[in-house]
N, C-alpha and C. Protein backbone atom coordinates (compact mmCIF):
# COMPACT_ATOMS: atom_id res chain seq x y z
N MET A 1 113.32 107.31 117.36
CA MET A 1 111.86 107.54 117.23
C MET A 1 111.18 107.37 118.59
N HIS A 2 110.07 108.01 118.72
CA HIS A 2 109.28 107.91 119.95
C HIS A 2 108.65 106.53 120.04
N PRO A 3 108.70 105.88 121.21
CA PRO A 3 108.11 104.53 121.36
C PRO A 3 106.66 104.45 120.91
N ALA A 4 105.89 105.51 121.18
CA ALA A 4 104.47 105.50 120.81
C ALA A 4 104.30 105.41 119.30
N ILE A 5 105.22 106.05 118.55
CA ILE A 5 105.16 105.99 117.09
C ILE A 5 105.43 104.56 116.62
N LEU A 6 106.42 103.91 117.25
CA LEU A 6 106.75 102.53 116.89
C LEU A 6 105.56 101.61 117.18
N VAL A 7 104.92 101.81 118.32
CA VAL A 7 103.75 101.00 118.67
C VAL A 7 102.65 101.22 117.65
N ALA A 8 102.40 102.48 117.30
CA ALA A 8 101.36 102.80 116.32
C ALA A 8 101.67 102.15 114.98
N MET A 9 102.94 102.20 114.56
CA MET A 9 103.34 101.60 113.29
C MET A 9 103.12 100.09 113.30
N SER A 10 103.52 99.43 114.41
CA SER A 10 103.35 97.98 114.49
C SER A 10 101.87 97.61 114.52
N GLU A 11 101.06 98.45 115.16
CA GLU A 11 99.61 98.20 115.19
C GLU A 11 99.03 98.28 113.78
N VAL A 12 99.44 99.32 113.04
CA VAL A 12 98.95 99.50 111.67
C VAL A 12 99.37 98.31 110.81
N MET A 13 100.63 97.88 110.96
CA MET A 13 101.13 96.75 110.17
C MET A 13 100.38 95.47 110.53
N THR A 14 100.09 95.27 111.82
CA THR A 14 99.36 94.08 112.25
C THR A 14 97.95 94.08 111.67
N VAL A 15 97.29 95.23 111.73
CA VAL A 15 95.93 95.34 111.18
C VAL A 15 95.96 95.07 109.68
N GLY A 16 96.94 95.63 108.99
CA GLY A 16 97.07 95.40 107.55
C GLY A 16 97.29 93.93 107.24
N PHE A 17 98.13 93.28 108.05
CA PHE A 17 98.42 91.86 107.86
C PHE A 17 97.17 91.02 108.09
N VAL A 18 96.46 91.30 109.18
CA VAL A 18 95.22 90.57 109.50
C VAL A 18 94.20 90.77 108.38
N TYR A 19 94.11 92.01 107.89
CA TYR A 19 93.16 92.32 106.81
C TYR A 19 93.51 91.53 105.56
N ASP A 20 94.81 91.46 105.21
CA ASP A 20 95.24 90.69 104.04
C ASP A 20 94.89 89.22 104.20
N VAL A 21 95.18 88.66 105.37
CA VAL A 21 94.87 87.24 105.63
C VAL A 21 93.37 87.01 105.51
N PHE A 22 92.58 87.92 106.09
CA PHE A 22 91.13 87.79 106.05
C PHE A 22 90.63 87.85 104.61
N ARG A 23 91.21 88.78 103.82
CA ARG A 23 90.80 88.95 102.43
C ARG A 23 91.14 87.70 101.62
N ILE A 24 92.34 87.15 101.83
CA ILE A 24 92.75 85.94 101.13
C ILE A 24 91.86 84.77 101.54
N ALA A 25 91.57 84.66 102.84
CA ALA A 25 90.71 83.58 103.33
C ALA A 25 89.31 83.70 102.73
N ALA A 26 88.80 84.93 102.64
CA ALA A 26 87.48 85.16 102.06
C ALA A 26 87.47 84.76 100.59
N ALA A 27 88.52 85.14 99.86
CA ALA A 27 88.62 84.80 98.44
C ALA A 27 88.70 83.28 98.27
N THR A 28 89.50 82.62 99.10
CA THR A 28 89.63 81.16 99.05
C THR A 28 88.29 80.50 99.38
N GLY A 29 87.61 81.03 100.39
CA GLY A 29 86.31 80.50 100.78
C GLY A 29 85.30 80.63 99.66
N MET A 30 85.32 81.76 98.95
CA MET A 30 84.40 81.95 97.83
C MET A 30 84.68 80.94 96.73
N VAL A 31 85.96 80.70 96.46
CA VAL A 31 86.34 79.73 95.43
C VAL A 31 85.85 78.34 95.82
N GLN A 32 86.07 77.97 97.09
CA GLN A 32 85.61 76.67 97.58
C GLN A 32 84.10 76.54 97.46
N THR A 33 83.38 77.57 97.85
CA THR A 33 81.91 77.56 97.79
C THR A 33 81.46 77.44 96.34
N ALA A 34 82.11 78.17 95.45
CA ALA A 34 81.77 78.11 94.03
C ALA A 34 82.00 76.70 93.49
N LYS A 35 83.13 76.10 93.85
CA LYS A 35 83.45 74.74 93.40
C LYS A 35 82.38 73.76 93.90
N GLU A 36 82.03 73.88 95.18
CA GLU A 36 81.05 72.96 95.77
C GLU A 36 79.69 73.11 95.09
N SER A 37 79.28 74.35 94.82
CA SER A 37 77.97 74.54 94.18
C SER A 37 78.00 74.03 92.74
N LEU A 38 79.16 74.07 92.10
CA LEU A 38 79.27 73.53 90.73
C LEU A 38 79.23 72.01 90.76
N MET A 39 79.79 71.41 91.81
CA MET A 39 79.85 69.95 91.92
C MET A 39 78.45 69.36 92.12
N LYS A 40 77.59 70.10 92.81
CA LYS A 40 76.26 69.57 93.13
C LYS A 40 75.41 69.39 91.88
């Protein structure tokens, strides 16, 4: 395969991974916020 294609693929995978982590963190943050507002 052409090196540029490999770089593009790894970039896409990295962005997807970062997006998943961000989405999970956002979901966890929402749960924490909801718990805290319920505790008050």
